[in-house]
C-alpha atoms as a PDB file:
ATOM      1  CA  MET A   1      88.479  87.244  85.536  1.00  0.00           C
ATOM      2  CA  THR A   2      88.036  90.998  85.921  1.00  0.00           C
ATOM      3  CA  ALA A   3      84.301  90.588  86.619  1.00  0.00           C
ATOM      4  CA  ILE A   4      85.083  88.063  89.325  1.00  0.00           C
ATOM      5  CA  ALA A   5      87.633  90.384  90.936  1.00  0.00           C
ATOM      6  CA  LEU A   6      85.257  93.354  90.798  1.00  0.00           C
ATOM      7  CA  GLY A   7      82.441  91.259  92.237  1.00  0.00           C
ATOM      8  CA  CYS A   8      84.630  90.161  95.167  1.00  0.00           C
ATOM      9  CA  LEU A   9      85.783  93.697  95.817  1.00  0.00           C
ATOM     10  CA  LEU A  10      82.172  94.971  95.749  1.00  0.00           C
ATOM     11  CA  ILE A  11      81.105  92.311  98.279  1.00  0.00           C
ATOM     12  CA  ILE A  12      84.097  92.873 100.527  1.00  0.00           C
ATOM     13  CA  GLY A  13      83.985  96.700 100.377  1.00  0.00           C
ATOM     14  CA  ARG A  14      80.284  97.371 100.562  1.00  0.00           C
ATOM     15  CA  GLY A  15      78.782  94.186 101.883  1.00  0.00           C
ATOM     16  CA  PRO A  16      79.399  94.897 105.571  1.00  0.00           C
ATOM     17  CA  PHE A  17      76.927  97.784 105.363  1.00  0.00           C
ATOM     18  CA  ALA A  18      74.173  95.141 105.117  1.00  0.00           C
ATOM     19  CA  PHE A  19      75.016  93.859 108.623  1.00  0.00           C
ATOM     20  CA  ASP A  20      76.199  96.810 110.699  1.00  0.00           C
ATOM     21  CA  PRO A  21      76.526 100.212 109.002  1.00  0.00           C
ATOM     22  CA  SER A  22      77.793 102.114 112.061  1.00  0.00           C
ATOM     23  CA  ARG A  23      80.548  99.648 112.698  1.00  0.00           C
ATOM     24  CA  THR A  24      81.515  99.689 109.032  1.00  0.00           C
ATOM     25  CA  PHE A  25      81.754 103.491 109.093  1.00  0.00           C
ATOM     26  CA  ARG A  26      83.859 103.209 112.219  1.00  0.00           C
ATOM     27  CA  ALA A  27      86.218 100.798 110.478  1.00  0.00           C
ATOM     28  CA  TYR A  28      86.528 103.004 107.439  1.00  0.00           C
ATOM     29  CA  ARG A  29      87.172 105.989 109.680  1.00  0.00           C
ATOM     30  CA  SER A  30      89.838 104.130 111.665  1.00  0.00           C
ATOM     31  CA  PHE A  31      91.687 103.332 108.467  1.00  0.00           C
ATOM     32  CA  PHE A  32      92.318 107.018 107.761  1.00  0.00           C
ATOM     33  CA  MET A  33      93.256 108.020 111.347  1.00  0.00           C
ATOM     34  CA  THR A  34      97.030 108.182 110.781  1.00  0.00           C
ATOM     35  CA  ASN A  35      99.237 109.680 108.087  1.00  0.00           C
ATOM     36  CA  ALA A  36     100.932 106.322 107.563  1.00  0.00           C
ATOM     37  CA  ARG A  37      97.663 104.632 106.695  1.00  0.00           C
ATOM     38  CA  ALA A  38      96.739 107.434 104.310  1.00  0.00           C
ATOM     39  CA  ARG A  39     100.138 107.038 102.633  1.00  0.00           C
ATOM     40  CA  ALA A  40      99.601 103.304 102.381  1.00  0.00           C
ATOM     41  CA  TRP A  41      96.320 103.973 100.602  1.00  0.00           C
ATOM     42  CA  ALA A  42      98.169 106.348  98.286  1.00  0.00           C
ATOM     43  CA  VAL A  43     100.660 103.621  97.393  1.00  0.00           C
ATOM     44  CA  LEU A  44      97.754 101.302  96.406  1.00  0.00           C
ATOM     45  CA  VAL A  45      96.232 104.111  94.345  1.00  0.00           C
ATOM     46  CA  ALA A  46      99.615 104.732  92.710  1.00  0.00           C
ATOM     47  CA  LEU A  47      99.718 101.068  91.681  1.00  0.00           C
ATOM     48  CA  LEU A  48      96.310 101.439  90.029  1.00  0.00           C
ATOM     49  CA  ALA A  49      97.567 104.547  88.225  1.00  0.00           C
ATOM     50  CA  ALA A  50     100.667 102.630  87.059  1.00  0.00           C
ATOM     51  CA  VAL A  51      98.469  99.872  85.653  1.00  0.00           C
ATOM     52  CA  LEU A  52      96.316 102.381  83.757  1.00  0.00           C
ATOM     53  CA  LEU A  53      99.296 104.230  82.402  1.00  0.00           C
ATOM     54  CA  LEU A  54     101.588 101.331  81.475  1.00  0.00           C
ATOM     55  CA  LEU A  55      99.186  98.706  80.064  1.00  0.00           C
ATOM     56  CA  PRO A  56      98.736  98.738  76.296  1.00  0.00           C
ATOM     57  CA  LEU A  57      95.086  99.659  76.003  1.00  0.00           C
ATOM     58  CA  GLY A  58      94.979  99.819  72.222  1.00  0.00           C
ATOM     59  CA  GLU A  59      93.606 102.637  70.105  1.00  0.00           C
ATOM     60  CA  GLY A  60      90.470 104.651  70.370  1.00  0.00           C
ATOM     61  CA  MET A  61      88.520 106.934  72.630  1.00  0.00           C
ATOM     62  CA  LEU A  62      88.212 104.544  75.570  1.00  0.00           C
ATOM     63  CA  SER A  63      91.944 103.981  75.805  1.00  0.00           C
ATOM     64  CA  ASP A  64      92.518 107.741  75.777  1.00  0.00           C
ATOM     65  CA  VAL A  65      89.959 108.252  78.519  1.00  0.00           C
ATOM     66  CA  LEU A  66      91.521 105.503  80.639  1.00  0.00           C
ATOM     67  CA  HIS A  67      94.973 106.991  80.072  1.00  0.00           C
ATOM     68  CA  VAL A  68      93.800 110.441  81.210  1.00  0.00           C
ATOM     69  CA  PHE A  69      92.053 108.808  84.194  1.00  0.00           C
ATOM     70  CA  GLY A  70      95.400 107.141  85.037  1.00  0.00           C
ATOM     71  CA  TRP A  71      97.150 110.521  85.084  1.00  0.00           C
ATOM     72  CA  ILE A  72      94.457 111.934  87.346  1.00  0.00           C
ATOM     73  CA  ILE A  73      94.833 109.024  89.740  1.00  0.00           C
ATOM     74  CA  ALA A  74      98.614 109.421  89.706  1.00  0.00           C
ATOM     75  CA  ALA A  75      98.244 113.096  90.619  1.00  0.00           C
ATOM     76  CA  LEU A  76      95.878 112.161  93.455  1.00  0.00           C
ATOM     77  CA  ALA A  77      98.389 109.552  94.739  1.00  0.00           C
ATOM     78  CA  LEU A  78     101.253 112.094  94.580  1.00  0.00           C
ATOM     79  CA  VAL A  79      99.279 114.744  96.480  1.00  0.00           C
ATOM     80  CA  THR A  80      98.283 112.150  99.066  1.00  0.00           C
ATOM     81  CA  LEU A  81     101.861 111.012  99.529  1.00  0.00           C
ATOM     82  CA  LEU A  82     103.055 114.598  99.968  1.00  0.00           C
ATOM     83  CA  VAL A  83     100.134 115.934 102.056  1.00  0.00           C
ATOM     84  CA  PRO A  84      98.273 113.008 103.699  1.00  0.00           C
ATOM     85  CA  LYS A  85      96.532 115.212 106.268  1.00  0.00           C
ATOM     86  CA  MET A  86      94.501 116.870 103.530  1.00  0.00           C
ATOM     87  CA  LEU A  87      93.156 113.535 102.277  1.00  0.00           C
ATOM     88  CA  ARG A  88      92.468 112.379 105.812  1.00  0.00           C
ATOM     89  CA  ARG A  89      90.327 115.449 106.622  1.00  0.00           C
ATOM     90  CA  PHE A  90      88.503 115.174 103.271  1.00  0.00           C
ATOM     91  CA  VAL A  91      87.666 111.468 103.730  1.00  0.00           C
ATOM     92  CA  LEU A  92      86.638 111.849 107.395  1.00  0.00           C
ATOM     93  CA  GLN A  93      84.331 114.729 106.518  1.00  0.00           C
ATOM     94  CA  ILE A  94      82.719 112.689 103.749  1.00  0.00           C
ATOM     95  CA  LEU A  95      82.262 109.704 106.069  1.00  0.00           C
ATOM     96  CA  ASP A  96      80.721 111.911 108.790  1.00  0.00           C
ATOM     97  CA  ALA A  97      78.360 113.548 106.297  1.00  0.00           C
ATOM     98  CA  VAL A  98      77.203 110.243 104.809  1.00  0.00           C
ATOM     99  CA  GLU A  99      76.763 108.587 108.203  1.00  0.00           C
ATOM    100  CA  SER A 100      74.741 111.464 109.615  1.00  0.00           C
ATOM    101  CA  SER A 101      72.555 112.044 106.524  1.00  0.00           C
ATOM    102  CA  ILE A 102      71.615 108.483 105.496  1.00  0.00           C
ATOM    103  CA  PRO A 103      69.621 106.262 107.896  1.00  0.00           C
ATOM    104  CA  ASN A 104      70.921 102.827 108.868  1.00  0.00           C
ATOM    105  CA  ALA A 105      67.993 101.058 107.191  1.00  0.00           C
ATOM    106  CA  ILE A 106      68.886 102.585 103.820  1.00  0.00           C
ATOM    107  CA  MET A 107      72.558 101.727 104.288  1.00  0.00           C
ATOM    108  CA  ARG A 108      71.569  98.116 105.010  1.00  0.00           C
ATOM    109  CA  ILE A 109      69.507  98.008 101.819  1.00  0.00           C
ATOM    110  CA  LEU A 110      72.432  99.483  99.867  1.00  0.00           C
ATOM    111  CA  GLY A 111      74.689  96.824 101.394  1.00  0.00           C
ATOM    112  CA  LEU A 112      72.322  94.076 100.247  1.00  0.00           C
ATOM    113  CA  VAL A 113      72.201  95.606  96.754  1.00  0.00           C
ATOM    114  CA  ALA A 114      75.985  95.660  96.724  1.00  0.00           C
ATOM    115  CA  ILE A 115      76.115  91.980  97.681  1.00  0.00           C
ATOM    116  CA  ALA A 116      73.601  91.120  94.935  1.00  0.00           C
ATOM    117  CA  ALA A 117      75.557  93.127  92.388  1.00  0.00           C
ATOM    118  CA  GLY A 118      78.787  91.456  93.457  1.00  0.00           C
ATOM    119  CA  LEU A 119      77.222  88.013  93.132  1.00  0.00           C
ATOM    120  CA  ALA A 120      75.932  88.952  89.671  1.00  0.00           C
ATOM    121  CA  LEU A 121      79.400  90.066  88.585  1.00  0.00           C
ATOM    122  CA  ILE A 122      80.903  86.808  89.884  1.00  0.00           C
ATOM    123  CA  TYR A 123      78.192  84.858  87.998  1.00  0.00           C
ATOM    124  CA  VAL A 124      78.974  86.799  84.788  1.00  0.00           C
ATOM    125  CA  GLY A 125      82.664  86.170  85.271  1.00  0.00           C
ATOM    126  CA  ILE A 126      82.274  82.435  85.760  1.00  0.00           C
ATOM    127  CA  TYR A 127      79.439  81.421  83.419  1.00  0.00           C
ATOM    128  CA  VAL A 128      79.018  84.104  80.782  1.00  0.00           C
ATOM    129  CA  ILE A 129      82.500  85.208  79.823  1.00  0.00           C
END
């Protein structure tokens, strides 16, 4: 089930780069244009942190790493909720740098690779596991 969800998220999040990279960058940029949208993103990140912190992950090194990762994500969400402008500037600078440094043809290829990887994850989730 997790592989299917990750495959769908991969296709939905990175698949549009295969069709129109500049429009996809514009859509990502428009999401972080207001403080309210940045705070909404922080709430979603806080939910991910809560899942990582509250689920019983068992014993061992991997559970400890995921627990620490959950605390780091929780700190990121808290900072974003308190100072959303800082996250907005950071994300917009990253999007501008990636859009200006990587040609559209390579972004289209990466989008196709993301679609293929997402379909492979869905296949694994349905038939293998």
